[in-house]
N, C-alpha and C. Protein backbone atom coordinates (compact mmCIF):
# COMPACT_ATOMS: atom_id res chain seq x y z
N MET A 1 25.62 16.30 -2.07
CA MET A 1 24.62 17.19 -1.72
C MET A 1 23.89 16.51 -0.44
N SER A 2 23.64 17.26 0.60
CA SER A 2 23.06 16.70 1.79
C SER A 2 21.37 16.78 1.51
N ALA A 3 20.87 15.72 2.18
CA ALA A 3 19.35 15.64 2.03
C ALA A 3 18.67 16.77 2.84
N VAL A 4 17.55 17.14 2.28
CA VAL A 4 16.84 18.26 3.02
C VAL A 4 16.16 17.57 4.22
N PRO A 5 16.41 18.14 5.47
CA PRO A 5 15.84 17.56 6.66
C PRO A 5 14.23 17.62 6.72
N LYS A 6 13.70 16.57 7.28
CA LYS A 6 12.19 16.69 7.39
C LYS A 6 11.74 17.84 8.35
N LYS A 7 10.75 18.42 7.95
CA LYS A 7 10.15 19.48 8.80
C LYS A 7 9.44 18.65 9.91
N LEU A 8 9.72 18.98 11.08
CA LEU A 8 9.16 18.46 12.39
C LEU A 8 8.23 19.43 12.99
N TYR A 9 7.15 18.93 13.53
CA TYR A 9 6.08 19.79 14.10
C TYR A 9 5.93 19.56 15.55
N THR A 10 5.43 20.48 16.24
CA THR A 10 5.10 20.34 17.63
C THR A 10 3.67 19.71 17.71
N ALA A 11 3.27 19.07 18.88
CA ALA A 11 1.87 18.60 18.88
C ALA A 11 0.77 19.69 18.57
N GLU A 12 1.31 20.94 19.29
CA GLU A 12 0.19 22.03 19.07
C GLU A 12 0.06 22.39 17.66
N GLU A 13 1.29 22.26 16.88
CA GLU A 13 1.13 22.85 15.47
C GLU A 13 0.44 21.72 14.65
N TYR A 14 0.59 20.46 14.96
CA TYR A 14 -0.09 19.46 14.46
C TYR A 14 -1.59 19.50 14.63
N GLU A 15 -1.94 19.76 15.77
CA GLU A 15 -3.40 19.89 16.20
C GLU A 15 -4.08 21.12 15.38
N ALA A 16 -3.37 22.21 15.37
CA ALA A 16 -3.83 23.37 14.70
C ALA A 16 -4.07 23.04 13.21
N ARG A 17 -3.15 22.44 12.61
CA ARG A 17 -3.21 22.00 11.23
C ARG A 17 -4.57 21.07 10.97
N GLU A 18 -4.67 20.11 12.00
CA GLU A 18 -5.59 19.05 11.86
C GLU A 18 -7.12 19.58 11.88
N ARG A 19 -7.19 20.66 12.71
CA ARG A 19 -8.65 21.27 12.79
C ARG A 19 -9.17 21.94 11.50
N THR A 20 -8.30 22.16 10.63
CA THR A 20 -8.73 22.69 9.36
C THR A 20 -8.38 21.79 8.09
N ALA A 21 -7.92 20.70 8.43
CA ALA A 21 -7.43 19.76 7.29
C ALA A 21 -8.64 19.03 6.53
N GLU A 22 -8.46 18.72 5.27
CA GLU A 22 -9.46 18.00 4.53
C GLU A 22 -9.57 16.53 4.99
N PHE A 23 -8.41 16.03 5.15
CA PHE A 23 -8.27 14.52 5.71
C PHE A 23 -7.59 14.45 7.00
N LYS A 24 -7.96 13.30 7.68
CA LYS A 24 -7.33 13.10 8.93
C LYS A 24 -5.84 12.77 8.77
N SER A 25 -4.97 13.06 9.71
CA SER A 25 -3.59 12.63 9.74
C SER A 25 -3.12 12.22 11.19
N GLU A 26 -2.17 11.11 11.17
CA GLU A 26 -1.67 10.79 12.40
C GLU A 26 -0.50 11.66 12.75
N PHE A 27 -0.09 11.73 13.99
CA PHE A 27 1.16 12.53 14.36
C PHE A 27 1.99 11.59 15.37
N TYR A 28 3.24 11.47 14.98
CA TYR A 28 4.28 10.75 15.80
C TYR A 28 5.62 11.23 15.66
N ARG A 29 6.17 11.62 16.77
CA ARG A 29 7.64 12.03 16.79
C ARG A 29 7.87 13.19 15.93
N GLY A 30 6.84 14.09 15.87
CA GLY A 30 7.24 15.42 15.03
C GLY A 30 6.74 15.35 13.56
N GLU A 31 6.31 14.06 13.22
CA GLU A 31 6.01 13.94 11.94
C GLU A 31 4.48 13.77 11.60
N ILE A 32 3.91 14.24 10.50
CA ILE A 32 2.48 14.06 10.27
C ILE A 32 2.36 13.09 9.15
N PHE A 33 1.49 12.05 9.46
CA PHE A 33 1.17 10.91 8.42
C PHE A 33 -0.30 10.99 7.92
N PRO A 34 -0.60 11.47 6.72
CA PRO A 34 -1.94 11.42 6.18
C PRO A 34 -2.53 10.04 6.33
N MET A 35 -3.76 10.00 6.69
CA MET A 35 -4.42 8.54 6.80
C MET A 35 -5.34 8.12 5.59
N GLN A 36 -5.31 9.11 4.63
CA GLN A 36 -6.04 8.75 3.28
C GLN A 36 -5.06 9.11 2.12
N GLY A 37 -5.44 8.37 1.05
CA GLY A 37 -4.65 8.76 -0.24
C GLY A 37 -3.27 8.01 -0.39
N PRO A 38 -2.75 8.27 -1.49
CA PRO A 38 -1.51 7.40 -1.92
C PRO A 38 -0.22 7.86 -0.99
N ASP A 39 -0.35 9.13 -0.46
CA ASP A 39 0.74 9.64 0.40
C ASP A 39 0.72 9.10 1.81
N GLY A 40 -0.35 8.56 2.12
CA GLY A 40 -0.45 8.02 3.56
C GLY A 40 0.42 6.88 3.80
N PRO A 41 0.78 6.63 5.16
CA PRO A 41 1.76 5.53 5.52
C PRO A 41 1.34 4.16 5.08
N PHE A 42 0.09 3.91 4.65
CA PHE A 42 -0.26 2.57 4.11
C PHE A 42 -0.86 2.68 2.67
N GLY A 43 -0.83 3.89 2.13
CA GLY A 43 -1.38 4.06 0.76
C GLY A 43 -2.87 3.94 0.85
N MET A 44 -3.47 4.23 2.01
CA MET A 44 -4.77 3.80 2.23
C MET A 44 -5.82 4.77 1.63
N ALA A 45 -6.86 4.30 0.97
CA ALA A 45 -7.89 5.00 0.50
C ALA A 45 -9.07 4.89 1.51
N GLY A 46 -10.29 5.27 0.99
CA GLY A 46 -11.39 4.99 1.87
C GLY A 46 -11.58 3.59 2.22
N ALA A 47 -12.20 3.46 3.46
CA ALA A 47 -12.51 2.11 3.92
C ALA A 47 -13.46 1.33 3.11
N LYS A 48 -13.38 -0.02 3.08
CA LYS A 48 -14.28 -0.91 2.34
C LYS A 48 -15.64 -0.86 3.08
N PHE A 49 -16.77 -1.26 2.27
CA PHE A 49 -17.98 -1.43 2.75
C PHE A 49 -18.09 -2.28 4.05
N ASN A 50 -17.38 -3.41 3.91
CA ASN A 50 -17.40 -4.24 5.16
C ASN A 50 -17.00 -3.65 6.45
N HIS A 51 -15.85 -2.82 6.23
CA HIS A 51 -15.16 -2.26 7.40
C HIS A 51 -16.21 -1.24 7.98
N ASN A 52 -16.90 -0.44 7.09
CA ASN A 52 -17.87 0.51 7.54
C ASN A 52 -18.95 -0.10 8.23
N ARG A 53 -19.54 -1.27 7.63
CA ARG A 53 -20.67 -1.95 8.11
C ARG A 53 -20.36 -2.42 9.45
N ALA A 54 -19.37 -3.16 9.71
CA ALA A 54 -19.04 -3.73 11.02
C ALA A 54 -18.88 -2.48 12.06
N LYS A 55 -18.19 -1.53 11.60
CA LYS A 55 -17.90 -0.43 12.56
C LYS A 55 -19.18 0.31 12.97
N ASP A 56 -20.04 0.61 11.97
CA ASP A 56 -21.42 1.25 12.30
C ASP A 56 -22.31 0.31 13.19
N ASN A 57 -22.20 -1.05 12.89
CA ASN A 57 -23.02 -1.94 13.76
C ASN A 57 -22.60 -1.86 15.16
N LEU A 58 -21.24 -1.93 15.37
CA LEU A 58 -20.70 -1.90 16.68
C LEU A 58 -21.06 -0.67 17.46
N LEU A 59 -20.92 0.50 16.74
CA LEU A 59 -21.32 1.71 17.36
C LEU A 59 -22.84 1.79 17.86
N HIS A 60 -23.56 1.27 17.05
CA HIS A 60 -24.92 1.26 17.26
C HIS A 60 -25.34 0.40 18.51
N GLU A 61 -24.79 -0.79 18.48
CA GLU A 61 -24.98 -1.81 19.58
C GLU A 61 -24.45 -1.26 20.89
N LEU A 62 -23.19 -0.60 20.86
CA LEU A 62 -22.62 -0.12 22.02
C LEU A 62 -23.40 1.04 22.58
N THR A 63 -23.85 2.05 21.64
CA THR A 63 -24.61 3.09 22.02
C THR A 63 -25.85 2.74 22.86
N VAL A 64 -26.53 1.71 22.33
CA VAL A 64 -27.86 1.22 22.93
C VAL A 64 -27.57 0.63 24.35
N ARG A 65 -26.51 0.00 24.44
CA ARG A 65 -26.23 -0.76 25.70
C ARG A 65 -25.51 0.41 26.72
N LEU A 66 -24.96 1.38 26.29
CA LEU A 66 -24.30 2.24 27.29
C LEU A 66 -25.25 3.39 27.61
N LYS A 67 -26.39 3.58 27.00
CA LYS A 67 -27.19 4.59 27.15
C LYS A 67 -27.57 4.77 28.57
N GLY A 68 -27.57 6.05 29.18
CA GLY A 68 -27.80 6.22 30.53
C GLY A 68 -26.74 5.94 31.50
N GLY A 69 -25.64 5.40 31.05
CA GLY A 69 -24.64 5.00 31.99
C GLY A 69 -23.51 5.96 32.00
N PRO A 70 -22.38 5.67 32.74
CA PRO A 70 -21.40 6.53 32.87
C PRO A 70 -20.26 6.50 31.64
N CYS A 71 -20.52 5.48 30.69
CA CYS A 71 -19.79 5.44 29.57
C CYS A 71 -20.34 5.69 28.25
N GLN A 72 -19.47 6.02 27.40
CA GLN A 72 -20.06 6.35 26.05
C GLN A 72 -19.08 5.88 24.84
N ALA A 73 -19.78 5.53 23.79
CA ALA A 73 -19.05 5.13 22.54
C ALA A 73 -18.84 6.32 21.71
N LEU A 74 -17.53 6.41 21.21
CA LEU A 74 -17.34 7.48 20.24
C LEU A 74 -16.67 6.97 18.97
N THR A 75 -16.83 7.69 17.83
CA THR A 75 -16.39 7.11 16.58
C THR A 75 -14.98 7.64 16.20
N SER A 76 -14.57 7.27 14.94
CA SER A 76 -13.20 7.72 14.54
C SER A 76 -13.11 9.13 14.23
N ASP A 77 -14.05 10.03 14.60
CA ASP A 77 -13.82 11.51 14.51
C ASP A 77 -13.18 11.98 15.95
N MET A 78 -13.06 11.12 16.89
CA MET A 78 -12.43 11.43 18.22
C MET A 78 -10.98 11.08 18.10
N ARG A 79 -10.12 12.11 18.11
CA ARG A 79 -8.67 11.72 18.28
C ARG A 79 -8.29 11.33 19.61
N VAL A 80 -7.31 10.37 19.55
CA VAL A 80 -6.72 10.03 20.98
C VAL A 80 -5.18 10.44 20.90
N ARG A 81 -4.77 10.92 21.98
CA ARG A 81 -3.26 11.27 22.17
C ARG A 81 -2.74 10.35 23.24
N VAL A 82 -1.73 9.74 22.98
CA VAL A 82 -0.99 8.80 23.86
C VAL A 82 0.21 9.72 24.53
N GLN A 83 -0.13 10.15 25.69
CA GLN A 83 0.81 11.10 26.32
C GLN A 83 2.28 10.51 26.41
N ALA A 84 2.39 9.19 26.75
CA ALA A 84 3.73 8.76 27.04
C ALA A 84 4.62 8.68 25.74
N THR A 85 3.99 8.53 24.48
CA THR A 85 4.78 8.25 23.28
C THR A 85 4.58 9.46 22.30
N GLY A 86 3.53 10.29 22.42
CA GLY A 86 3.27 11.41 21.55
C GLY A 86 2.38 11.07 20.36
N LEU A 87 2.06 9.70 20.34
CA LEU A 87 1.12 9.39 19.06
C LEU A 87 -0.16 10.09 19.17
N GLN A 88 -0.65 10.62 18.16
CA GLN A 88 -2.00 11.08 18.02
C GLN A 88 -2.69 10.43 16.78
N THR A 89 -3.81 9.74 17.03
CA THR A 89 -4.51 8.90 15.99
C THR A 89 -6.00 8.86 16.11
N TYR A 90 -6.55 8.19 15.30
CA TYR A 90 -8.14 8.15 15.26
C TYR A 90 -8.48 6.67 15.37
N PRO A 91 -8.75 6.06 16.58
CA PRO A 91 -9.41 4.64 16.53
C PRO A 91 -10.77 4.62 15.73
N ASP A 92 -10.95 3.27 15.31
CA ASP A 92 -12.30 3.30 14.64
C ASP A 92 -13.31 3.43 15.53
N LEU A 93 -13.29 2.92 16.91
CA LEU A 93 -14.31 3.26 17.83
C LEU A 93 -13.59 3.21 19.13
N LEU A 94 -14.13 4.03 20.15
CA LEU A 94 -13.60 3.92 21.45
C LEU A 94 -14.72 4.06 22.49
N ILE A 95 -14.49 3.56 23.72
CA ILE A 95 -15.36 3.79 24.76
C ILE A 95 -14.68 4.62 25.88
N ALA A 96 -15.29 5.68 26.30
CA ALA A 96 -14.69 6.44 27.50
C ALA A 96 -15.70 6.34 28.52
N CYS A 97 -15.24 6.40 29.74
CA CYS A 97 -15.99 6.31 30.97
C CYS A 97 -15.61 7.36 31.98
N GLY A 98 -16.66 7.95 32.66
CA GLY A 98 -16.39 8.89 33.61
C GLY A 98 -16.10 10.24 32.96
N LYS A 99 -15.27 11.02 33.80
CA LYS A 99 -14.91 12.43 33.20
C LYS A 99 -14.03 12.26 32.16
N LEU A 100 -14.28 12.90 30.95
CA LEU A 100 -13.31 12.93 29.82
C LEU A 100 -12.11 13.79 30.19
N GLU A 101 -10.97 13.24 29.81
CA GLU A 101 -9.71 14.20 29.92
C GLU A 101 -9.22 14.61 28.58
N PHE A 102 -8.93 15.82 28.33
CA PHE A 102 -8.48 16.29 26.90
C PHE A 102 -7.16 17.00 27.17
N ALA A 103 -6.36 16.97 25.93
CA ALA A 103 -5.05 17.58 25.97
C ALA A 103 -5.19 18.95 26.25
N ASP A 104 -6.16 19.68 25.85
CA ASP A 104 -6.34 21.24 25.86
C ASP A 104 -7.92 21.50 25.96
N GLY A 105 -7.99 22.81 25.97
CA GLY A 105 -9.32 23.36 26.03
C GLY A 105 -10.19 23.15 24.69
N LYS A 106 -9.58 22.78 23.65
CA LYS A 106 -10.36 22.48 22.37
C LYS A 106 -11.10 21.05 22.48
N LYS A 107 -10.82 20.36 23.43
CA LYS A 107 -11.49 19.10 23.57
C LYS A 107 -11.55 18.09 22.36
N ASP A 108 -10.43 18.07 21.55
CA ASP A 108 -10.43 17.18 20.33
C ASP A 108 -9.29 16.19 20.42
N SER A 109 -8.45 16.05 21.56
CA SER A 109 -7.54 15.09 21.70
C SER A 109 -7.74 14.49 23.05
N LEU A 110 -8.52 13.19 23.02
CA LEU A 110 -8.85 12.61 24.29
C LEU A 110 -7.62 11.91 24.76
N LEU A 111 -7.42 11.87 26.13
CA LEU A 111 -6.36 11.17 26.84
C LEU A 111 -6.64 9.87 27.60
N ASN A 112 -7.95 9.71 27.92
CA ASN A 112 -8.33 8.55 28.71
C ASN A 112 -9.28 7.62 28.28
N PRO A 113 -9.21 7.11 26.98
CA PRO A 113 -10.15 6.08 26.57
C PRO A 113 -10.03 4.72 27.60
N SER A 114 -11.20 4.12 27.73
CA SER A 114 -11.16 2.75 28.50
C SER A 114 -11.04 1.53 27.65
N VAL A 115 -11.72 1.64 26.38
CA VAL A 115 -11.69 0.59 25.44
C VAL A 115 -11.41 1.14 24.01
N ILE A 116 -10.46 0.55 23.29
CA ILE A 116 -10.26 0.99 21.83
C ILE A 116 -10.60 -0.19 20.92
N ILE A 117 -11.24 0.08 19.83
CA ILE A 117 -11.70 -0.97 18.98
C ILE A 117 -11.07 -0.68 17.47
N GLU A 118 -10.54 -1.50 16.86
CA GLU A 118 -9.97 -1.31 15.53
C GLU A 118 -10.67 -2.45 14.57
N VAL A 119 -11.25 -2.00 13.52
CA VAL A 119 -11.71 -2.94 12.53
C VAL A 119 -10.42 -2.97 11.55
N LEU A 120 -10.12 -4.29 11.36
CA LEU A 120 -8.91 -4.51 10.56
C LEU A 120 -9.03 -4.45 8.98
N SER A 121 -8.05 -4.00 8.22
CA SER A 121 -8.04 -3.96 6.83
C SER A 121 -6.70 -4.59 6.44
N ASP A 122 -6.62 -4.78 5.10
CA ASP A 122 -5.28 -5.42 4.62
C ASP A 122 -4.13 -4.47 4.77
N SER A 123 -4.40 -3.20 4.69
CA SER A 123 -3.32 -2.10 4.69
C SER A 123 -2.97 -1.69 6.12
N THR A 124 -3.81 -1.88 7.02
CA THR A 124 -3.48 -1.46 8.45
C THR A 124 -3.43 -2.58 9.44
N GLU A 125 -3.57 -3.77 9.09
CA GLU A 125 -3.61 -5.01 10.00
C GLU A 125 -2.45 -5.14 10.86
N GLY A 126 -1.26 -5.10 10.17
CA GLY A 126 0.06 -5.24 10.77
C GLY A 126 0.39 -4.05 11.82
N TYR A 127 0.03 -2.81 11.43
CA TYR A 127 0.20 -1.64 12.28
C TYR A 127 -0.88 -1.77 13.47
N ASP A 128 -2.08 -2.15 13.24
CA ASP A 128 -2.97 -2.22 14.42
C ASP A 128 -2.60 -3.34 15.42
N ARG A 129 -1.99 -4.42 14.85
CA ARG A 129 -1.46 -5.60 15.88
C ARG A 129 -0.21 -5.26 16.49
N GLY A 130 0.59 -4.32 15.82
CA GLY A 130 2.08 -4.18 16.22
C GLY A 130 2.24 -2.89 16.97
N ALA A 131 2.81 -1.91 16.06
CA ALA A 131 3.23 -0.72 16.67
C ALA A 131 2.13 0.10 17.28
N LYS A 132 0.94 0.13 16.75
CA LYS A 132 -0.21 0.99 17.34
C LYS A 132 -0.51 0.29 18.70
N PHE A 133 -0.67 -1.05 18.74
CA PHE A 133 -1.02 -1.52 19.93
C PHE A 133 -0.07 -1.27 21.14
N LEU A 134 1.27 -1.24 20.75
CA LEU A 134 2.34 -1.01 21.68
C LEU A 134 2.18 0.50 22.26
N ASN A 135 1.79 1.36 21.29
CA ASN A 135 1.52 2.90 21.75
C ASN A 135 0.34 2.87 22.65
N TYR A 136 -0.83 2.07 22.25
CA TYR A 136 -2.00 2.15 22.99
C TYR A 136 -1.78 1.58 24.50
N GLN A 137 -0.89 0.57 24.60
CA GLN A 137 -0.57 0.02 25.96
C GLN A 137 -0.07 0.98 26.88
N LYS A 138 0.47 2.17 26.51
CA LYS A 138 0.97 3.17 27.30
C LYS A 138 -0.04 4.02 27.78
N ILE A 139 -1.30 3.82 27.33
CA ILE A 139 -2.49 4.66 27.91
C ILE A 139 -2.92 4.02 29.33
N PRO A 140 -2.69 4.79 30.49
CA PRO A 140 -2.93 4.14 31.75
C PRO A 140 -4.54 3.74 31.94
N SER A 141 -5.48 4.58 31.27
CA SER A 141 -6.80 4.09 31.51
C SER A 141 -7.28 3.07 30.64
N LEU A 142 -6.49 2.70 29.65
CA LEU A 142 -7.08 1.48 28.70
C LEU A 142 -7.12 0.16 29.36
N ARG A 143 -8.32 -0.43 29.33
CA ARG A 143 -8.47 -1.77 29.91
C ARG A 143 -8.52 -2.71 28.95
N GLU A 144 -9.12 -2.42 27.70
CA GLU A 144 -9.37 -3.42 26.70
C GLU A 144 -9.03 -2.94 25.27
N TYR A 145 -8.50 -3.72 24.47
CA TYR A 145 -8.18 -3.54 23.03
C TYR A 145 -8.91 -4.57 22.22
N ILE A 146 -9.69 -4.24 21.22
CA ILE A 146 -10.43 -5.23 20.45
C ILE A 146 -10.16 -5.07 18.93
N LEU A 147 -9.88 -6.15 18.26
CA LEU A 147 -9.58 -6.18 16.85
C LEU A 147 -10.73 -6.86 16.26
N VAL A 148 -11.30 -6.35 15.17
CA VAL A 148 -12.52 -6.99 14.56
C VAL A 148 -12.06 -7.18 13.00
N GLU A 149 -12.16 -8.50 12.59
CA GLU A 149 -11.97 -8.70 11.24
C GLU A 149 -13.16 -8.20 10.34
N GLN A 150 -12.81 -7.76 9.15
CA GLN A 150 -13.93 -7.23 8.28
C GLN A 150 -14.56 -8.22 7.46
N ASP A 151 -13.76 -9.27 7.05
CA ASP A 151 -14.20 -10.15 5.98
C ASP A 151 -14.57 -11.61 6.55
N GLU A 152 -14.43 -11.68 7.70
CA GLU A 152 -14.85 -13.09 8.35
C GLU A 152 -15.17 -12.75 9.82
N PRO A 153 -16.05 -13.59 10.45
CA PRO A 153 -16.49 -13.23 11.79
C PRO A 153 -15.55 -13.64 12.87
N ILE A 154 -14.64 -12.85 13.17
CA ILE A 154 -13.51 -13.09 14.09
C ILE A 154 -13.29 -11.71 14.75
N CYS A 155 -13.31 -11.82 16.24
CA CYS A 155 -13.09 -10.66 17.07
C CYS A 155 -12.07 -11.13 18.09
N GLU A 156 -11.00 -10.35 18.13
CA GLU A 156 -9.83 -10.74 19.21
C GLU A 156 -9.90 -9.69 20.26
N ARG A 157 -9.90 -10.09 21.44
CA ARG A 157 -10.02 -9.17 22.67
C ARG A 157 -8.80 -9.31 23.49
N TYR A 158 -8.18 -8.13 23.90
CA TYR A 158 -6.98 -8.11 24.70
C TYR A 158 -7.32 -7.34 25.96
N VAL A 159 -7.24 -8.00 27.09
CA VAL A 159 -7.58 -7.28 28.43
C VAL A 159 -6.41 -7.11 29.17
N ARG A 160 -6.20 -5.84 29.82
CA ARG A 160 -5.09 -5.68 30.57
C ARG A 160 -5.24 -6.37 31.98
N ALA A 161 -4.18 -7.19 32.32
CA ALA A 161 -4.20 -7.98 33.37
C ALA A 161 -3.92 -7.00 34.77
N PRO A 162 -4.17 -7.70 35.89
CA PRO A 162 -4.07 -6.82 37.20
C PRO A 162 -2.60 -6.30 37.33
N ASP A 163 -1.67 -6.93 36.76
CA ASP A 163 -0.31 -6.41 36.92
C ASP A 163 -0.01 -5.17 36.10
N GLY A 164 -0.93 -4.86 35.31
CA GLY A 164 -0.80 -3.64 34.51
C GLY A 164 -0.09 -3.63 33.18
N PHE A 165 0.58 -4.70 32.99
CA PHE A 165 1.62 -4.88 31.91
C PHE A 165 1.18 -6.03 30.94
N THR A 166 0.71 -7.11 31.49
CA THR A 166 0.25 -8.19 30.60
C THR A 166 -1.05 -8.10 30.03
N TRP A 167 -1.22 -8.54 28.73
CA TRP A 167 -2.48 -8.44 27.99
C TRP A 167 -3.05 -9.77 27.75
N LEU A 168 -4.10 -10.11 28.24
CA LEU A 168 -4.63 -11.49 28.08
C LEU A 168 -5.58 -11.55 26.66
N ARG A 169 -5.34 -12.52 25.92
CA ARG A 169 -6.11 -12.54 24.58
C ARG A 169 -7.05 -13.65 24.68
N THR A 170 -8.23 -13.27 24.01
CA THR A 170 -9.35 -14.39 23.76
C THR A 170 -9.91 -14.07 22.43
N THR A 171 -10.41 -15.03 21.80
CA THR A 171 -10.78 -14.89 20.34
C THR A 171 -12.25 -15.44 20.27
N VAL A 172 -13.09 -14.66 19.51
CA VAL A 172 -14.52 -15.20 19.25
C VAL A 172 -14.55 -15.41 17.76
N GLU A 173 -14.87 -16.61 17.33
CA GLU A 173 -14.98 -17.02 15.97
C GLU A 173 -16.40 -17.57 15.56
N GLY A 174 -16.77 -17.15 14.45
CA GLY A 174 -18.26 -17.68 14.13
C GLY A 174 -19.36 -16.87 14.41
N LEU A 175 -20.49 -16.93 13.74
CA LEU A 175 -21.58 -16.12 13.91
C LEU A 175 -22.49 -16.55 15.10
N ASP A 176 -22.23 -17.75 15.60
CA ASP A 176 -22.83 -18.26 16.76
C ASP A 176 -22.33 -17.76 18.15
N GLY A 177 -21.29 -16.92 18.17
CA GLY A 177 -20.77 -16.49 19.45
C GLY A 177 -21.27 -15.07 19.66
N SER A 178 -20.56 -14.49 20.80
CA SER A 178 -20.81 -13.16 21.12
C SER A 178 -19.56 -12.57 21.74
N LEU A 179 -19.42 -11.32 21.48
CA LEU A 179 -18.19 -10.49 21.85
C LEU A 179 -18.70 -9.78 23.15
N THR A 180 -17.90 -10.05 24.29
CA THR A 180 -18.17 -9.57 25.53
C THR A 180 -17.07 -8.28 25.89
N VAL A 181 -17.54 -7.11 26.09
CA VAL A 181 -16.65 -6.07 26.58
C VAL A 181 -16.87 -6.01 28.00
N ALA A 182 -16.01 -6.55 28.75
CA ALA A 182 -16.02 -6.66 30.13
C ALA A 182 -16.02 -5.33 30.81
N THR A 183 -15.17 -4.37 30.38
CA THR A 183 -15.07 -3.09 30.92
C THR A 183 -16.42 -2.36 31.25
N VAL A 184 -17.39 -2.54 30.32
CA VAL A 184 -18.77 -1.92 30.35
C VAL A 184 -19.74 -2.89 30.57
N ASN A 185 -19.48 -4.17 30.74
CA ASN A 185 -20.44 -5.35 30.92
C ASN A 185 -21.29 -5.39 29.85
N ALA A 186 -20.90 -5.43 28.61
CA ALA A 186 -21.79 -5.35 27.44
C ALA A 186 -21.49 -6.69 26.52
N THR A 187 -22.49 -7.41 26.16
CA THR A 187 -22.34 -8.58 25.33
C THR A 187 -23.12 -8.44 24.02
N ILE A 188 -22.42 -8.48 22.91
CA ILE A 188 -22.98 -8.28 21.54
C ILE A 188 -22.80 -9.59 20.75
N PRO A 189 -24.05 -10.09 20.24
CA PRO A 189 -23.83 -11.23 19.38
C PRO A 189 -23.16 -10.93 18.09
N MET A 190 -22.38 -11.90 17.57
CA MET A 190 -21.55 -11.81 16.33
C MET A 190 -22.42 -11.44 15.22
N THR A 191 -23.75 -12.07 15.32
CA THR A 191 -24.65 -11.76 14.14
C THR A 191 -25.14 -10.29 14.12
N ASP A 192 -24.98 -9.54 15.18
CA ASP A 192 -25.25 -8.16 15.20
C ASP A 192 -24.10 -7.22 14.64
N ILE A 193 -23.02 -7.71 15.15
CA ILE A 193 -21.67 -7.13 14.75
C ILE A 193 -21.55 -7.15 13.20
N TYR A 194 -21.88 -8.26 12.60
CA TYR A 194 -21.64 -8.47 11.08
C TYR A 194 -22.89 -8.44 10.29
N ALA A 195 -24.10 -7.86 10.89
CA ALA A 195 -25.27 -7.72 10.10
C ALA A 195 -24.98 -6.96 8.84
N GLY A 196 -25.47 -7.44 7.68
CA GLY A 196 -25.28 -6.72 6.52
C GLY A 196 -23.95 -6.69 5.83
N VAL A 197 -22.94 -7.35 6.48
CA VAL A 197 -21.70 -7.73 5.84
C VAL A 197 -21.82 -8.53 4.63
N GLU A 198 -21.03 -8.25 3.54
CA GLU A 198 -21.24 -9.06 2.42
C GLU A 198 -20.03 -10.07 2.28
N TRP A 199 -20.26 -11.32 2.45
CA TRP A 199 -19.28 -12.37 2.53
C TRP A 199 -18.90 -12.89 1.23
N GLU A 200 -17.71 -13.20 1.03
CA GLU A 200 -17.28 -13.90 -0.27
C GLU A 200 -17.75 -15.27 -0.22
N SER A 201 -17.67 -15.90 0.81
CA SER A 201 -18.39 -17.29 1.10
C SER A 201 -19.07 -17.22 2.44
N GLN A 202 -20.16 -18.02 2.45
CA GLN A 202 -20.83 -17.99 3.68
C GLN A 202 -20.31 -18.49 4.88
N PRO A 203 -19.99 -17.73 5.92
CA PRO A 203 -19.30 -18.17 7.08
C PRO A 203 -20.07 -19.15 7.98
N ASN A 204 -19.47 -19.83 8.98
CA ASN A 204 -20.24 -20.65 9.75
C ASN A 204 -20.88 -19.91 10.90
């Protein structure tokens, strides 16, 4: 007996479903992957408190620093489409500068983020560091990719080099440091990023 083939969707069919869906899903190569619940690609349920605390802190700090300028910070409700690969996903945070470009008139699939930030979790860390980052690198407008640990004060920053292909990595560790987002000339103390985070042991 032959296996029943998977149903494949077009990007437009996925987007139409997503607009009325109860939970967010990713889209890649014709398949739809729920981002919540046991049927998701990572068996992922809701995010932990520390994840949400760090994300919300970063959103606040970036919003304050970008106010009145040409760039804006957007949350995980803003879907991103990688035109070169077809991936559609929801970064934890992103920064978009200048005129926003969307896949269609619905304005819910952004094409030109300048900075993407992911807060790492046990279930998604490998994906965020690997396949997802490889997809993000195909976005021509993307200048920086930042990974934020949720349970210890560590931020990794990848900056696109002038050659357009190489990504240069720097790491900030400890609460006495600061994360600099060079694309928007914003510097945020680690103490502000991790304010209110509940540590299992007191970090340095």
